[in-house]
Amino acid sequence: MSAGAAGRAPMISLRELVASYCELGGGFGRAVALEAFGLGAAETERIFSGFDEDYHISRFFSFLDSEGVRYSINGFPATHVAIDAEIENIL
């Protein structure tokens, strides 16, 4: 892990994040506003950017730039995330 990635390592487990996502969105494949996770802007960007840097995790995440509070996820604007159900294979 690079020094930059280590500085952005998630403080929430993937399992916890996915459980929160499912609770907020009512299931997989639905766009959930990043602000709905109830984290501060810096923490939201750090956590989601950290997971997005890991290929084995990021392939299940789809970030969308729509209406709402905009965050920078690895330098790209995003307002929502949708997570594919196949992520359960790695939990």
C-alpha atoms as a PDB file:
ATOM      1  CA  MET A   1       0.000   0.000   0.000  1.00  0.00           C
ATOM      2  CA  SER A   2       1.383   3.390  -0.930  1.00  0.00           C
ATOM      3  CA  ALA A   3       1.931   6.094   1.685  1.00  0.00           C
ATOM      4  CA  GLY A   4      -1.002   8.019   0.221  1.00  0.00           C
ATOM      5  CA  ALA A   5      -3.263   4.999   0.342  1.00  0.00           C
ATOM      6  CA  ALA A   6      -2.201   4.213   3.905  1.00  0.00           C
ATOM      7  CA  GLY A   7      -3.168   7.739   4.920  1.00  0.00           C
ATOM      8  CA  ARG A   8      -6.621   7.158   3.459  1.00  0.00           C
ATOM      9  CA  ALA A   9      -7.178   3.650   4.779  1.00  0.00           C
ATOM     10  CA  PRO A  10     -10.843   3.113   5.661  1.00  0.00           C
ATOM     11  CA  MET A  11     -11.764   3.290   9.344  1.00  0.00           C
ATOM     12  CA  ILE A  12     -14.948   1.353   8.684  1.00  0.00           C
ATOM     13  CA  SER A  13     -14.874  -2.248   7.534  1.00  0.00           C
ATOM     14  CA  LEU A  14     -16.179  -3.198   4.124  1.00  0.00           C
ATOM     15  CA  ARG A  15     -18.760  -5.419   5.793  1.00  0.00           C
ATOM     16  CA  GLU A  16     -20.019  -2.470   7.881  1.00  0.00           C
ATOM     17  CA  LEU A  17     -20.133  -0.179   4.865  1.00  0.00           C
ATOM     18  CA  VAL A  18     -22.083  -2.716   2.789  1.00  0.00           C
ATOM     19  CA  ALA A  19     -24.538  -3.344   5.640  1.00  0.00           C
ATOM     20  CA  SER A  20     -25.108   0.397   5.981  1.00  0.00           C
ATOM     21  CA  TYR A  21     -25.544   0.728   2.215  1.00  0.00           C
ATOM     22  CA  CYS A  22     -28.165  -2.054   2.147  1.00  0.00           C
ATOM     23  CA  GLU A  23     -30.024  -0.519   5.068  1.00  0.00           C
ATOM     24  CA  LEU A  24     -30.051   2.921   3.445  1.00  0.00           C
ATOM     25  CA  GLY A  25     -30.901   1.747  -0.072  1.00  0.00           C
ATOM     26  CA  GLY A  26     -33.090  -1.228   0.663  1.00  0.00           C
ATOM     27  CA  GLY A  27     -30.841  -3.614  -1.237  1.00  0.00           C
ATOM     28  CA  PHE A  28     -28.090  -3.880  -3.796  1.00  0.00           C
ATOM     29  CA  GLY A  29     -27.857  -2.058  -7.102  1.00  0.00           C
ATOM     30  CA  ARG A  30     -29.633   1.077  -5.945  1.00  0.00           C
ATOM     31  CA  ALA A  31     -28.031   4.499  -5.922  1.00  0.00           C
ATOM     32  CA  VAL A  32     -27.580   5.821  -2.387  1.00  0.00           C
ATOM     33  CA  ALA A  33     -26.525   9.396  -1.722  1.00  0.00           C
ATOM     34  CA  LEU A  34     -23.066   9.507  -0.185  1.00  0.00           C
ATOM     35  CA  GLU A  35     -24.284  12.073   2.332  1.00  0.00           C
ATOM     36  CA  ALA A  36     -26.854   9.527   3.600  1.00  0.00           C
ATOM     37  CA  PHE A  37     -24.040   7.592   5.287  1.00  0.00           C
ATOM     38  CA  GLY A  38     -23.870  10.419   7.851  1.00  0.00           C
ATOM     39  CA  LEU A  39     -20.117  10.935   7.659  1.00  0.00           C
ATOM     40  CA  GLY A  40     -18.302  14.237   7.358  1.00  0.00           C
ATOM     41  CA  ALA A  41     -17.111  15.298   3.909  1.00  0.00           C
ATOM     42  CA  ALA A  42     -13.444  14.472   4.545  1.00  0.00           C
ATOM     43  CA  GLU A  43     -14.292  11.087   6.074  1.00  0.00           C
ATOM     44  CA  THR A  44     -16.683  10.221   3.217  1.00  0.00           C
ATOM     45  CA  GLU A  45     -14.022  11.048   0.644  1.00  0.00           C
ATOM     46  CA  ARG A  46     -11.313   9.180   2.532  1.00  0.00           C
ATOM     47  CA  ILE A  47     -13.355   6.025   3.141  1.00  0.00           C
ATOM     48  CA  PHE A  48     -14.824   5.687  -0.335  1.00  0.00           C
ATOM     49  CA  SER A  49     -11.553   6.659  -2.026  1.00  0.00           C
ATOM     50  CA  GLY A  50      -9.743   4.033   0.043  1.00  0.00           C
ATOM     51  CA  PHE A  51     -12.127   1.279  -1.043  1.00  0.00           C
ATOM     52  CA  ASP A  52     -12.073   2.573  -4.618  1.00  0.00           C
ATOM     53  CA  GLU A  53      -8.281   2.135  -4.733  1.00  0.00           C
ATOM     54  CA  ASP A  54      -8.583  -1.616  -4.164  1.00  0.00           C
ATOM     55  CA  TYR A  55      -9.416  -3.362  -7.457  1.00  0.00           C
ATOM     56  CA  HIS A  56     -11.010  -6.339  -5.718  1.00  0.00           C
ATOM     57  CA  ILE A  57     -13.462  -3.987  -4.012  1.00  0.00           C
ATOM     58  CA  SER A  58     -13.860  -1.135  -6.495  1.00  0.00           C
ATOM     59  CA  ARG A  59     -15.213  -3.340  -9.281  1.00  0.00           C
ATOM     60  CA  PHE A  60     -18.410  -3.710  -7.219  1.00  0.00           C
ATOM     61  CA  PHE A  61     -18.812   0.046  -6.666  1.00  0.00           C
ATOM     62  CA  SER A  62     -20.406   2.427  -9.187  1.00  0.00           C
ATOM     63  CA  PHE A  63     -20.103   6.095  -8.332  1.00  0.00           C
ATOM     64  CA  LEU A  64     -22.613   8.472  -9.863  1.00  0.00           C
ATOM     65  CA  ASP A  65     -22.502  12.235 -10.252  1.00  0.00           C
ATOM     66  CA  SER A  66     -26.077  13.448  -9.963  1.00  0.00           C
ATOM     67  CA  GLU A  67     -28.074  15.935  -7.910  1.00  0.00           C
ATOM     68  CA  GLY A  68     -26.964  16.336  -4.327  1.00  0.00           C
ATOM     69  CA  VAL A  69     -23.897  16.960  -2.219  1.00  0.00           C
ATOM     70  CA  ARG A  70     -20.824  16.359  -4.362  1.00  0.00           C
ATOM     71  CA  TYR A  71     -17.720  14.598  -3.027  1.00  0.00           C
ATOM     72  CA  SER A  72     -14.344  13.903  -4.603  1.00  0.00           C
ATOM     73  CA  ILE A  73     -13.722  10.165  -4.808  1.00  0.00           C
ATOM     74  CA  ASN A  74     -10.139   9.699  -5.984  1.00  0.00           C
ATOM     75  CA  GLY A  75     -10.361  13.024  -7.791  1.00  0.00           C
ATOM     76  CA  PHE A  76     -13.690  12.341  -9.507  1.00  0.00           C
ATOM     77  CA  PRO A  77     -16.975  14.016  -8.521  1.00  0.00           C
ATOM     78  CA  ALA A  78     -19.598  11.716  -7.026  1.00  0.00           C
ATOM     79  CA  THR A  79     -22.909  12.193  -5.259  1.00  0.00           C
ATOM     80  CA  HIS A  80     -24.136   8.591  -5.051  1.00  0.00           C
ATOM     81  CA  VAL A  81     -22.847   5.045  -4.924  1.00  0.00           C
ATOM     82  CA  ALA A  82     -24.455   1.805  -6.097  1.00  0.00           C
ATOM     83  CA  ILE A  83     -22.978  -1.481  -4.923  1.00  0.00           C
ATOM     84  CA  ASP A  84     -23.342  -4.738  -6.858  1.00  0.00           C
ATOM     85  CA  ALA A  85     -24.674  -7.751  -4.942  1.00  0.00           C
ATOM     86  CA  GLU A  86     -21.673  -9.789  -6.060  1.00  0.00           C
ATOM     87  CA  ILE A  87     -19.651  -7.969  -3.394  1.00  0.00           C
ATOM     88  CA  GLU A  88     -21.026 -10.520  -0.951  1.00  0.00           C
ATOM     89  CA  ASN A  89     -18.579 -13.028  -2.456  1.00  0.00           C
ATOM     90  CA  ILE A  90     -15.669 -11.189  -0.864  1.00  0.00           C
ATOM     91  CA  LEU A  91     -17.213 -10.324   2.518  1.00  0.00           C
END
